[in-house]
Amino acid sequence: MSISNKDEQQKIVIDIEIYRRVGTLILSAIFTLILMKYDMVVVEFILLGLSIGEIFINKKLCDKLNNLK
């Protein structure tokens, strides 16, 4: 897949941002339910793991966008 113009690149970036926000919304709802049931320490470790995972996913997506240029 190659990006021929800036409009296609902008569309990809917007799609990535939309998917990230929907994922954040779903995870927020899940963790709200978890907070009602478990200790805060457990939730903090789970959130730390998810944050690290999101950093790696974002890095891979940025690398893919850079390779498409």
N, C-alpha and C. Protein backbone atom coordinates (compact mmCIF):
# COMPACT_ATOMS: atom_id res chain seq x y z
N MET A 1 0.85 -1.18 0.00
CA MET A 1 0.00 0.00 0.00
C MET A 1 0.89 1.24 0.00
N SER A 2 0.62 2.13 -0.90
CA SER A 2 1.39 3.37 -0.93
C SER A 2 0.44 4.55 -0.85
N ILE A 3 0.89 5.59 -0.24
CA ILE A 3 0.09 6.80 -0.10
C ILE A 3 0.52 7.76 -1.20
N SER A 4 -0.44 8.11 -2.06
CA SER A 4 -0.08 8.95 -3.20
C SER A 4 -0.19 10.44 -2.89
N ASN A 5 -0.99 10.80 -1.91
CA ASN A 5 -1.09 12.23 -1.60
C ASN A 5 -1.34 12.45 -0.11
N LYS A 6 -1.32 13.70 0.27
CA LYS A 6 -1.49 14.06 1.68
C LYS A 6 -2.88 13.74 2.20
N ASP A 7 -3.90 13.76 1.31
CA ASP A 7 -5.26 13.47 1.76
C ASP A 7 -5.38 12.04 2.27
N GLU A 8 -4.76 11.10 1.56
CA GLU A 8 -4.80 9.70 2.00
C GLU A 8 -4.07 9.54 3.33
N GLN A 9 -2.93 10.19 3.46
CA GLN A 9 -2.17 10.11 4.70
C GLN A 9 -2.97 10.70 5.86
N GLN A 10 -3.63 11.82 5.62
CA GLN A 10 -4.45 12.45 6.66
C GLN A 10 -5.61 11.55 7.06
N LYS A 11 -6.22 10.87 6.09
CA LYS A 11 -7.33 9.97 6.38
C LYS A 11 -6.87 8.81 7.27
N ILE A 12 -5.69 8.28 6.98
CA ILE A 12 -5.15 7.18 7.79
C ILE A 12 -4.91 7.65 9.22
N VAL A 13 -4.34 8.83 9.37
CA VAL A 13 -4.07 9.36 10.71
C VAL A 13 -5.37 9.59 11.47
N ILE A 14 -6.39 10.11 10.80
CA ILE A 14 -7.69 10.33 11.45
C ILE A 14 -8.32 9.00 11.85
N ASP A 15 -8.25 7.99 10.98
CA ASP A 15 -8.79 6.67 11.31
C ASP A 15 -8.10 6.07 12.53
N ILE A 16 -6.78 6.20 12.58
CA ILE A 16 -6.03 5.68 13.73
C ILE A 16 -6.48 6.38 15.01
N GLU A 17 -6.66 7.68 14.94
CA GLU A 17 -7.09 8.45 16.12
C GLU A 17 -8.50 8.05 16.57
N ILE A 18 -9.39 7.82 15.62
CA ILE A 18 -10.76 7.40 15.96
C ILE A 18 -10.74 6.05 16.64
N TYR A 19 -9.98 5.08 16.08
CA TYR A 19 -9.91 3.75 16.68
C TYR A 19 -9.29 3.82 18.08
N ARG A 20 -8.31 4.68 18.27
CA ARG A 20 -7.67 4.82 19.57
C ARG A 20 -8.66 5.37 20.60
N ARG A 21 -9.46 6.34 20.18
CA ARG A 21 -10.42 6.94 21.12
C ARG A 21 -11.55 5.97 21.46
N VAL A 22 -12.01 5.19 20.48
CA VAL A 22 -13.04 4.19 20.76
C VAL A 22 -12.49 3.14 21.71
N GLY A 23 -11.24 2.71 21.48
CA GLY A 23 -10.61 1.75 22.38
C GLY A 23 -10.47 2.30 23.79
N THR A 24 -10.11 3.57 23.90
CA THR A 24 -10.00 4.21 25.21
C THR A 24 -11.35 4.26 25.91
N LEU A 25 -12.40 4.55 25.17
CA LEU A 25 -13.74 4.59 25.75
C LEU A 25 -14.15 3.23 26.29
N ILE A 26 -13.91 2.18 25.50
CA ILE A 26 -14.26 0.83 25.92
C ILE A 26 -13.45 0.43 27.15
N LEU A 27 -12.14 0.70 27.12
CA LEU A 27 -11.30 0.36 28.27
C LEU A 27 -11.69 1.15 29.51
N SER A 28 -12.10 2.39 29.34
CA SER A 28 -12.54 3.19 30.49
C SER A 28 -13.77 2.59 31.13
N ALA A 29 -14.70 2.13 30.31
CA ALA A 29 -15.90 1.50 30.85
C ALA A 29 -15.55 0.21 31.59
N ILE A 30 -14.66 -0.58 31.01
CA ILE A 30 -14.25 -1.83 31.66
C ILE A 30 -13.57 -1.55 32.99
N PHE A 31 -12.67 -0.57 33.02
CA PHE A 31 -11.95 -0.30 34.26
C PHE A 31 -12.83 0.36 35.30
N THR A 32 -13.86 1.05 34.89
CA THR A 32 -14.81 1.56 35.87
C THR A 32 -15.49 0.41 36.59
N LEU A 33 -15.85 -0.62 35.82
CA LEU A 33 -16.45 -1.80 36.44
C LEU A 33 -15.44 -2.54 37.33
N ILE A 34 -14.18 -2.62 36.88
CA ILE A 34 -13.15 -3.28 37.68
C ILE A 34 -12.90 -2.53 38.98
N LEU A 35 -12.89 -1.20 38.92
CA LEU A 35 -12.66 -0.40 40.13
C LEU A 35 -13.71 -0.66 41.19
N MET A 36 -14.90 -0.98 40.76
CA MET A 36 -15.96 -1.26 41.72
C MET A 36 -15.76 -2.60 42.42
N LYS A 37 -14.90 -3.45 41.83
CA LYS A 37 -14.78 -4.80 42.36
C LYS A 37 -13.42 -5.10 43.00
N TYR A 38 -12.33 -4.57 42.45
CA TYR A 38 -10.99 -4.94 42.90
C TYR A 38 -10.28 -3.80 43.62
N ASP A 39 -9.16 -4.15 44.25
CA ASP A 39 -8.30 -3.17 44.92
C ASP A 39 -7.67 -2.23 43.91
N MET A 40 -7.33 -1.05 44.36
CA MET A 40 -6.74 -0.03 43.48
C MET A 40 -5.36 -0.45 42.97
N VAL A 41 -4.59 -1.17 43.77
CA VAL A 41 -3.24 -1.58 43.36
C VAL A 41 -3.32 -2.50 42.13
N VAL A 42 -4.26 -3.41 42.13
CA VAL A 42 -4.42 -4.31 40.98
C VAL A 42 -4.75 -3.51 39.73
N VAL A 43 -5.65 -2.58 39.85
CA VAL A 43 -6.04 -1.75 38.71
C VAL A 43 -4.86 -0.93 38.21
N GLU A 44 -4.04 -0.41 39.11
CA GLU A 44 -2.88 0.38 38.69
C GLU A 44 -1.90 -0.45 37.88
N PHE A 45 -1.66 -1.70 38.27
CA PHE A 45 -0.76 -2.56 37.50
C PHE A 45 -1.36 -2.90 36.14
N ILE A 46 -2.65 -3.13 36.09
CA ILE A 46 -3.30 -3.42 34.81
C ILE A 46 -3.20 -2.20 33.90
N LEU A 47 -3.46 -1.02 34.43
CA LEU A 47 -3.36 0.20 33.62
C LEU A 47 -1.93 0.45 33.15
N LEU A 48 -0.95 0.16 34.00
CA LEU A 48 0.45 0.30 33.59
C LEU A 48 0.76 -0.62 32.42
N GLY A 49 0.31 -1.85 32.50
CA GLY A 49 0.53 -2.80 31.40
C GLY A 49 -0.14 -2.34 30.12
N LEU A 50 -1.35 -1.85 30.22
CA LEU A 50 -2.05 -1.36 29.02
C LEU A 50 -1.38 -0.12 28.45
N SER A 51 -0.88 0.74 29.30
CA SER A 51 -0.19 1.94 28.82
C SER A 51 1.08 1.57 28.06
N ILE A 52 1.82 0.62 28.59
CA ILE A 52 3.03 0.16 27.89
C ILE A 52 2.65 -0.47 26.56
N GLY A 53 1.58 -1.25 26.56
CA GLY A 53 1.11 -1.86 25.31
C GLY A 53 0.70 -0.81 24.29
N GLU A 54 0.03 0.23 24.73
CA GLU A 54 -0.39 1.30 23.82
C GLU A 54 0.82 2.03 23.23
N ILE A 55 1.86 2.21 24.03
CA ILE A 55 3.07 2.86 23.53
C ILE A 55 3.67 2.03 22.40
N PHE A 56 3.76 0.71 22.58
CA PHE A 56 4.32 -0.14 21.53
C PHE A 56 3.45 -0.15 20.28
N ILE A 57 2.13 -0.18 20.46
CA ILE A 57 1.22 -0.16 19.31
C ILE A 57 1.36 1.15 18.55
N ASN A 58 1.40 2.27 19.26
CA ASN A 58 1.55 3.57 18.60
C ASN A 58 2.88 3.67 17.87
N LYS A 59 3.94 3.10 18.45
CA LYS A 59 5.25 3.12 17.79
C LYS A 59 5.21 2.32 16.50
N LYS A 60 4.56 1.16 16.53
CA LYS A 60 4.45 0.34 15.31
C LYS A 60 3.65 1.07 14.24
N LEU A 61 2.55 1.73 14.64
CA LEU A 61 1.75 2.47 13.67
C LEU A 61 2.53 3.63 13.07
N CYS A 62 3.29 4.32 13.89
CA CYS A 62 4.12 5.43 13.37
C CYS A 62 5.19 4.91 12.42
N ASP A 63 5.79 3.76 12.76
CA ASP A 63 6.78 3.17 11.87
C ASP A 63 6.16 2.80 10.52
N LYS A 64 4.93 2.26 10.56
CA LYS A 64 4.25 1.91 9.31
C LYS A 64 3.97 3.15 8.48
N LEU A 65 3.53 4.22 9.13
CA LEU A 65 3.28 5.46 8.39
C LEU A 65 4.57 6.02 7.80
N ASN A 66 5.65 5.93 8.53
CA ASN A 66 6.93 6.42 8.01
C ASN A 66 7.42 5.58 6.84
N ASN A 67 7.14 4.27 6.87
CA ASN A 67 7.55 3.40 5.77
C ASN A 67 6.72 3.64 4.52
N LEU A 68 5.51 4.16 4.68
CA LEU A 68 4.64 4.41 3.53
C LEU A 68 5.03 5.67 2.77
N LYS A 69 5.81 6.53 3.38
CA LYS A 69 6.19 7.79 2.74
C LYS A 69 7.15 7.56 1.60
